[in-house]
């Protein structure tokens, strides 16, 4: 169990290259649509990137 978590977290580092783009696009969309400020936009980008990275790493590990 612990080894699985360590492997998934190790796989997240290369996955950051692939998951920054969706976070940027979501942040831009929310900024245009809802007029959010820069601080909230950065939070959305970081949270989206982390969630997408961990999800992608988990899917690749378990498939």
N, C-alpha and C. Protein backbone atom coordinates (compact mmCIF):
# COMPACT_ATOMS: atom_id res chain seq x y z
N UNK A 1 0.83 -1.19 0.00
CA UNK A 1 0.00 0.00 0.00
C UNK A 1 0.87 1.25 0.00
N UNK A 2 1.82 1.31 0.93
CA UNK A 2 2.69 2.47 1.01
C UNK A 2 3.59 2.57 -0.23
N UNK A 3 4.02 1.42 -0.72
CA UNK A 3 4.85 1.41 -1.92
C UNK A 3 4.08 1.92 -3.13
N UNK A 4 2.80 1.57 -3.21
CA UNK A 4 1.97 2.07 -4.31
C UNK A 4 1.87 3.59 -4.28
N UNK A 5 1.68 4.14 -3.11
CA UNK A 5 1.57 5.60 -2.96
C UNK A 5 2.88 6.28 -3.33
N UNK A 6 3.99 5.70 -2.91
CA UNK A 6 5.30 6.27 -3.24
C UNK A 6 5.55 6.24 -4.73
N UNK A 7 5.20 5.14 -5.38
CA UNK A 7 5.38 5.04 -6.83
C UNK A 7 4.51 6.04 -7.56
N UNK A 8 3.26 6.19 -7.14
CA UNK A 8 2.35 7.16 -7.77
C UNK A 8 2.88 8.58 -7.59
N UNK A 9 3.35 8.91 -6.41
CA UNK A 9 3.90 10.25 -6.18
C UNK A 9 5.18 10.47 -6.96
N UNK A 10 5.99 9.43 -7.15
CA UNK A 10 7.19 9.56 -7.97
C UNK A 10 6.83 9.78 -9.44
N UNK A 11 5.74 9.17 -9.87
CA UNK A 11 5.31 9.34 -11.26
C UNK A 11 4.69 10.72 -11.50
N UNK A 12 4.30 11.42 -10.44
CA UNK A 12 3.68 12.73 -10.64
C UNK A 12 4.67 13.77 -11.13
N UNK A 13 5.94 13.59 -10.83
CA UNK A 13 6.93 14.60 -11.22
C UNK A 13 7.04 14.71 -12.74
N UNK A 14 7.18 13.63 -13.49
CA UNK A 14 7.19 13.80 -14.95
C UNK A 14 5.82 14.18 -15.51
N UNK A 15 4.75 13.81 -14.81
CA UNK A 15 3.40 14.14 -15.29
C UNK A 15 3.09 15.63 -15.19
N UNK A 16 3.86 16.36 -14.39
CA UNK A 16 3.65 17.80 -14.30
C UNK A 16 3.82 18.48 -15.65
N UNK A 17 4.68 17.94 -16.49
CA UNK A 17 4.88 18.51 -17.83
C UNK A 17 3.60 18.45 -18.66
N UNK A 18 2.82 17.40 -18.48
CA UNK A 18 1.62 17.21 -19.28
C UNK A 18 0.37 17.83 -18.66
N UNK A 19 0.42 18.15 -17.39
CA UNK A 19 -0.81 18.59 -16.74
C UNK A 19 -0.86 20.09 -16.45
N UNK A 20 0.14 20.83 -16.82
CA UNK A 20 0.11 22.27 -16.60
C UNK A 20 -0.85 22.93 -17.59
N UNK A 21 -0.89 22.45 -18.80
CA UNK A 21 -1.71 23.07 -19.85
C UNK A 21 -3.21 23.10 -19.49
N UNK A 22 -3.81 21.99 -19.04
CA UNK A 22 -5.24 22.07 -18.65
C UNK A 22 -5.49 23.05 -17.51
N UNK A 23 -4.57 23.15 -16.58
CA UNK A 23 -4.72 24.11 -15.49
C UNK A 23 -4.68 25.54 -15.99
N UNK A 24 -3.78 25.83 -16.91
CA UNK A 24 -3.70 27.17 -17.48
C UNK A 24 -4.96 27.52 -18.26
N UNK A 25 -5.45 26.58 -19.04
CA UNK A 25 -6.66 26.83 -19.82
C UNK A 25 -7.87 27.05 -18.92
N UNK A 26 -8.00 26.26 -17.86
CA UNK A 26 -9.11 26.44 -16.93
C UNK A 26 -9.02 27.79 -16.22
N UNK A 27 -7.81 28.18 -15.82
CA UNK A 27 -7.63 29.47 -15.18
C UNK A 27 -7.99 30.63 -16.11
N UNK A 28 -7.58 30.54 -17.37
CA UNK A 28 -7.93 31.58 -18.34
C UNK A 28 -9.43 31.65 -18.58
N UNK A 29 -10.05 30.48 -18.69
CA UNK A 29 -11.50 30.43 -18.92
C UNK A 29 -12.26 31.06 -17.76
N UNK A 30 -11.89 30.70 -16.53
CA UNK A 30 -12.58 31.25 -15.37
C UNK A 30 -12.33 32.75 -15.22
N UNK A 31 -11.14 33.20 -15.62
CA UNK A 31 -10.85 34.63 -15.54
C UNK A 31 -11.72 35.42 -16.52
N UNK A 32 -11.89 34.89 -17.72
CA UNK A 32 -12.71 35.59 -18.72
C UNK A 32 -14.20 35.50 -18.37
N UNK A 33 -14.65 34.31 -17.97
CA UNK A 33 -16.08 34.09 -17.75
C UNK A 33 -16.58 34.75 -16.46
N UNK A 34 -15.84 34.58 -15.37
CA UNK A 34 -16.32 35.04 -14.06
C UNK A 34 -15.53 36.21 -13.49
N UNK A 35 -14.57 36.74 -14.25
CA UNK A 35 -13.78 37.91 -13.82
C UNK A 35 -13.11 37.70 -12.46
N UNK A 36 -12.45 36.55 -12.29
CA UNK A 36 -11.75 36.28 -11.04
C UNK A 36 -10.44 37.06 -11.01
N UNK A 37 -9.93 37.31 -9.81
CA UNK A 37 -8.68 38.05 -9.70
C UNK A 37 -7.48 37.12 -9.92
N UNK A 38 -6.30 37.70 -9.96
CA UNK A 38 -5.08 36.95 -10.29
C UNK A 38 -4.73 35.91 -9.22
N UNK A 39 -4.96 36.24 -7.96
CA UNK A 39 -4.65 35.30 -6.88
C UNK A 39 -5.53 34.05 -6.97
N UNK A 40 -6.80 34.24 -7.22
CA UNK A 40 -7.71 33.11 -7.35
C UNK A 40 -7.38 32.30 -8.60
N UNK A 41 -6.99 32.99 -9.66
CA UNK A 41 -6.62 32.29 -10.89
C UNK A 41 -5.41 31.40 -10.66
N UNK A 42 -4.43 31.89 -9.94
CA UNK A 42 -3.23 31.08 -9.64
C UNK A 42 -3.57 29.88 -8.77
N UNK A 43 -4.47 30.07 -7.81
CA UNK A 43 -4.90 28.95 -6.97
C UNK A 43 -5.60 27.88 -7.81
N UNK A 44 -6.46 28.32 -8.71
CA UNK A 44 -7.17 27.37 -9.58
C UNK A 44 -6.17 26.60 -10.44
N UNK A 45 -5.18 27.29 -10.98
CA UNK A 45 -4.19 26.64 -11.83
C UNK A 45 -3.41 25.59 -11.04
N UNK A 46 -2.96 25.94 -9.86
CA UNK A 46 -2.17 25.02 -9.05
C UNK A 46 -3.00 23.82 -8.60
N UNK A 47 -4.21 24.06 -8.12
CA UNK A 47 -5.06 22.96 -7.65
C UNK A 47 -5.43 22.03 -8.81
N UNK A 48 -5.78 22.60 -9.96
CA UNK A 48 -6.13 21.79 -11.12
C UNK A 48 -4.94 20.96 -11.58
N UNK A 49 -3.77 21.56 -11.58
CA UNK A 49 -2.56 20.84 -12.01
C UNK A 49 -2.25 19.68 -11.08
N UNK A 50 -2.35 19.91 -9.78
CA UNK A 50 -2.05 18.84 -8.82
C UNK A 50 -3.06 17.71 -8.92
N UNK A 51 -4.34 18.05 -8.99
CA UNK A 51 -5.37 17.01 -9.09
C UNK A 51 -5.23 16.23 -10.39
N UNK A 52 -5.02 16.93 -11.50
CA UNK A 52 -4.87 16.25 -12.79
C UNK A 52 -3.62 15.37 -12.81
N UNK A 53 -2.54 15.84 -12.21
CA UNK A 53 -1.30 15.06 -12.16
C UNK A 53 -1.46 13.78 -11.36
N UNK A 54 -2.05 13.88 -10.19
CA UNK A 54 -2.23 12.68 -9.36
C UNK A 54 -3.22 11.72 -10.01
N UNK A 55 -4.27 12.25 -10.64
CA UNK A 55 -5.23 11.39 -11.33
C UNK A 55 -4.59 10.66 -12.49
N UNK A 56 -3.81 11.38 -13.28
CA UNK A 56 -3.15 10.76 -14.43
C UNK A 56 -2.14 9.72 -14.00
N UNK A 57 -1.38 10.01 -12.97
CA UNK A 57 -0.40 9.03 -12.46
C UNK A 57 -1.09 7.80 -11.91
N UNK A 58 -2.19 7.99 -11.21
CA UNK A 58 -2.92 6.84 -10.66
C UNK A 58 -3.49 5.97 -11.78
N UNK A 59 -4.05 6.61 -12.78
CA UNK A 59 -4.59 5.84 -13.91
C UNK A 59 -3.50 5.06 -14.63
N UNK A 60 -2.36 5.67 -14.85
CA UNK A 60 -1.27 4.97 -15.52
C UNK A 60 -0.70 3.84 -14.67
N UNK A 61 -0.69 4.02 -13.37
CA UNK A 61 -0.16 2.98 -12.50
C UNK A 61 -1.09 1.77 -12.41
N UNK A 62 -2.38 2.02 -12.31
CA UNK A 62 -3.33 0.93 -12.10
C UNK A 62 -3.84 0.29 -13.39
N UNK A 63 -3.55 0.90 -14.52
CA UNK A 63 -3.99 0.26 -15.78
C UNK A 63 -2.93 -0.55 -16.37
